[in-house]
N, C-alpha and C. Protein backbone atom coordinates (compact mmCIF):
# COMPACT_ATOMS: atom_id res chain seq x y z
N MET A 1 -33.67 65.43 50.16
CA MET A 1 -34.75 64.71 50.80
C MET A 1 -34.67 63.24 50.41
N ILE A 2 -35.16 62.44 51.25
CA ILE A 2 -35.11 60.99 51.09
C ILE A 2 -36.45 60.50 50.54
N GLY A 3 -36.39 59.61 49.56
CA GLY A 3 -37.60 59.08 48.94
C GLY A 3 -37.94 57.69 49.47
N MET A 4 -39.09 57.20 49.08
CA MET A 4 -39.55 55.88 49.55
C MET A 4 -38.57 54.77 49.18
N LYS A 5 -37.94 54.86 48.01
CA LYS A 5 -37.01 53.80 47.59
C LYS A 5 -35.83 53.71 48.56
N GLY A 6 -35.39 54.85 49.06
CA GLY A 6 -34.24 54.86 49.95
C GLY A 6 -34.56 54.45 51.38
N LEU A 7 -35.82 54.33 51.71
CA LEU A 7 -36.21 54.02 53.09
C LEU A 7 -36.14 52.53 53.41
N ASN A 8 -36.44 51.69 52.44
CA ASN A 8 -36.53 50.24 52.67
C ASN A 8 -37.42 49.91 53.87
N PRO A 9 -38.67 50.37 53.84
CA PRO A 9 -39.55 50.15 54.99
C PRO A 9 -39.99 48.70 55.13
N GLN A 10 -40.24 48.30 56.34
CA GLN A 10 -40.89 47.02 56.63
C GLN A 10 -42.22 47.37 57.28
N PHE A 11 -43.25 46.64 56.93
CA PHE A 11 -44.57 46.96 57.44
C PHE A 11 -45.07 45.91 58.42
N ILE A 12 -45.79 46.38 59.39
CA ILE A 12 -46.50 45.51 60.34
C ILE A 12 -47.95 45.55 59.91
N THR A 13 -48.55 44.39 59.78
CA THR A 13 -49.93 44.31 59.32
C THR A 13 -50.83 43.70 60.39
N ASN A 14 -52.11 44.00 60.29
CA ASN A 14 -53.08 43.38 61.19
C ASN A 14 -53.52 42.04 60.60
N GLU A 15 -54.48 41.42 61.25
CA GLU A 15 -54.94 40.10 60.82
C GLU A 15 -55.53 40.12 59.41
N ALA A 16 -56.05 41.28 58.99
CA ALA A 16 -56.66 41.41 57.67
C ALA A 16 -55.62 41.74 56.59
N GLY A 17 -54.36 41.85 56.99
CA GLY A 17 -53.31 42.17 56.04
C GLY A 17 -53.14 43.65 55.75
N GLU A 18 -53.85 44.50 56.52
CA GLU A 18 -53.74 45.94 56.33
C GLU A 18 -52.50 46.46 57.05
N LYS A 19 -51.78 47.33 56.38
CA LYS A 19 -50.59 47.93 56.98
C LYS A 19 -51.03 48.86 58.11
N ILE A 20 -50.45 48.64 59.30
CA ILE A 20 -50.82 49.47 60.44
C ILE A 20 -49.63 50.21 61.04
N SER A 21 -48.42 49.76 60.74
CA SER A 21 -47.21 50.40 61.26
C SER A 21 -46.08 50.16 60.28
N VAL A 22 -45.03 50.95 60.46
CA VAL A 22 -43.86 50.81 59.61
C VAL A 22 -42.61 50.77 60.48
N VAL A 23 -41.63 49.98 60.06
CA VAL A 23 -40.35 49.87 60.75
C VAL A 23 -39.28 50.41 59.81
N LEU A 24 -38.50 51.37 60.32
CA LEU A 24 -37.42 51.98 59.54
C LEU A 24 -36.12 51.88 60.31
N PRO A 25 -35.00 51.84 59.59
CA PRO A 25 -33.72 51.95 60.28
C PRO A 25 -33.64 53.33 60.98
N ILE A 26 -33.02 53.38 62.14
CA ILE A 26 -32.90 54.62 62.90
C ILE A 26 -32.30 55.74 62.05
N SER A 27 -31.28 55.43 61.27
CA SER A 27 -30.63 56.47 60.45
C SER A 27 -31.62 57.09 59.47
N LYS A 28 -32.48 56.28 58.87
CA LYS A 28 -33.48 56.80 57.93
C LYS A 28 -34.54 57.61 58.66
N PHE A 29 -34.94 57.16 59.84
CA PHE A 29 -35.91 57.89 60.64
C PHE A 29 -35.36 59.27 61.00
N GLN A 30 -34.09 59.33 61.40
CA GLN A 30 -33.46 60.60 61.75
C GLN A 30 -33.39 61.53 60.53
N GLU A 31 -33.10 60.97 59.36
CA GLU A 31 -33.09 61.78 58.14
C GLU A 31 -34.47 62.37 57.87
N LEU A 32 -35.51 61.58 58.07
CA LEU A 32 -36.87 62.07 57.88
C LEU A 32 -37.19 63.20 58.86
N LEU A 33 -36.78 63.04 60.11
CA LEU A 33 -37.02 64.10 61.09
C LEU A 33 -36.31 65.39 60.70
N GLU A 34 -35.08 65.27 60.20
CA GLU A 34 -34.35 66.46 59.76
C GLU A 34 -35.06 67.13 58.59
N ASP A 35 -35.58 66.32 57.66
CA ASP A 35 -36.32 66.88 56.53
C ASP A 35 -37.56 67.62 57.01
N ILE A 36 -38.26 67.06 57.97
CA ILE A 36 -39.46 67.70 58.51
C ILE A 36 -39.10 69.02 59.19
N GLU A 37 -38.01 69.01 59.96
CA GLU A 37 -37.57 70.24 60.62
C GLU A 37 -37.20 71.30 59.59
N ASP A 38 -36.50 70.91 58.53
CA ASP A 38 -36.13 71.86 57.47
C ASP A 38 -37.38 72.45 56.81
N LEU A 39 -38.35 71.61 56.52
CA LEU A 39 -39.59 72.09 55.91
C LEU A 39 -40.34 73.04 56.83
N ALA A 40 -40.31 72.78 58.13
CA ALA A 40 -40.97 73.67 59.09
C ALA A 40 -40.32 75.04 59.08
N VAL A 41 -38.99 75.08 59.02
CA VAL A 41 -38.27 76.36 58.98
C VAL A 41 -38.63 77.12 57.71
N VAL A 42 -38.67 76.41 56.59
CA VAL A 42 -39.03 77.05 55.32
C VAL A 42 -40.44 77.65 55.42
N ALA A 43 -41.36 76.90 55.98
CA ALA A 43 -42.74 77.39 56.12
C ALA A 43 -42.81 78.62 57.02
N GLU A 44 -42.04 78.60 58.11
CA GLU A 44 -42.04 79.74 59.04
C GLU A 44 -41.46 80.99 58.39
N ARG A 45 -40.51 80.82 57.48
CA ARG A 45 -39.78 81.95 56.92
C ARG A 45 -40.28 82.38 55.54
N ARG A 46 -41.35 81.78 55.07
CA ARG A 46 -41.77 82.05 53.69
C ARG A 46 -42.20 83.49 53.45
N GLU A 47 -42.57 84.22 54.49
CA GLU A 47 -42.99 85.61 54.33
C GLU A 47 -41.83 86.59 54.45
N GLU A 48 -40.65 86.11 54.79
CA GLU A 48 -39.50 87.00 54.94
C GLU A 48 -39.06 87.52 53.58
N PRO A 49 -38.56 88.75 53.55
CA PRO A 49 -38.07 89.28 52.27
C PRO A 49 -36.83 88.52 51.81
N THR A 50 -36.61 88.48 50.51
CA THR A 50 -35.45 87.80 49.96
C THR A 50 -34.41 88.83 49.50
N ILE A 51 -33.17 88.35 49.36
CA ILE A 51 -32.11 89.19 48.80
C ILE A 51 -31.39 88.38 47.72
N SER A 52 -30.68 89.09 46.85
CA SER A 52 -29.97 88.40 45.77
C SER A 52 -28.75 87.65 46.33
N HIS A 53 -28.29 86.70 45.56
CA HIS A 53 -27.12 85.92 45.95
C HIS A 53 -25.90 86.84 46.09
N ASN A 54 -25.74 87.76 45.15
CA ASN A 54 -24.60 88.69 45.21
C ASN A 54 -24.65 89.56 46.46
N LYS A 55 -25.84 90.03 46.82
CA LYS A 55 -25.97 90.85 48.03
C LYS A 55 -25.63 90.02 49.27
N LEU A 56 -26.07 88.79 49.30
CA LEU A 56 -25.76 87.90 50.42
C LEU A 56 -24.25 87.72 50.55
N LEU A 57 -23.59 87.45 49.43
CA LEU A 57 -22.14 87.28 49.45
C LEU A 57 -21.44 88.55 49.95
N THR A 58 -21.90 89.70 49.49
CA THR A 58 -21.31 90.97 49.92
C THR A 58 -21.46 91.14 51.43
N GLU A 59 -22.65 90.84 51.96
CA GLU A 59 -22.89 90.98 53.40
C GLU A 59 -22.03 89.99 54.20
N LEU A 60 -21.91 88.75 53.73
CA LEU A 60 -21.11 87.76 54.44
C LEU A 60 -19.63 88.16 54.45
N LYS A 61 -19.16 88.69 53.32
CA LYS A 61 -17.76 89.14 53.27
C LYS A 61 -17.55 90.35 54.19
N ARG A 62 -18.50 91.27 54.16
CA ARG A 62 -18.43 92.46 55.02
C ARG A 62 -18.36 92.08 56.50
N ASP A 63 -19.11 91.05 56.86
CA ASP A 63 -19.16 90.61 58.26
C ASP A 63 -18.04 89.64 58.61
N GLY A 64 -17.17 89.35 57.64
CA GLY A 64 -16.04 88.47 57.90
C GLY A 64 -16.41 87.00 58.04
N LEU A 65 -17.56 86.62 57.51
CA LEU A 65 -18.00 85.24 57.63
C LEU A 65 -17.49 84.36 56.49
N ILE A 66 -17.07 85.01 55.40
CA ILE A 66 -16.43 84.27 54.30
C ILE A 66 -15.27 85.07 53.76
């Protein structure tokens, strides 16, 4: 995940000096969108049962995926 230090944001302010918008490089914006999508998938799948790492490896080998 990307942190605030890595974003290098620029802010647009109103007449009172309050931050009202932010400008980011497209690459950083796309990284943020990917992070949000990843978090959404995690949230959707949080109720799914888990399996051990060894069992996962066994299943992937059995299916010829590794």
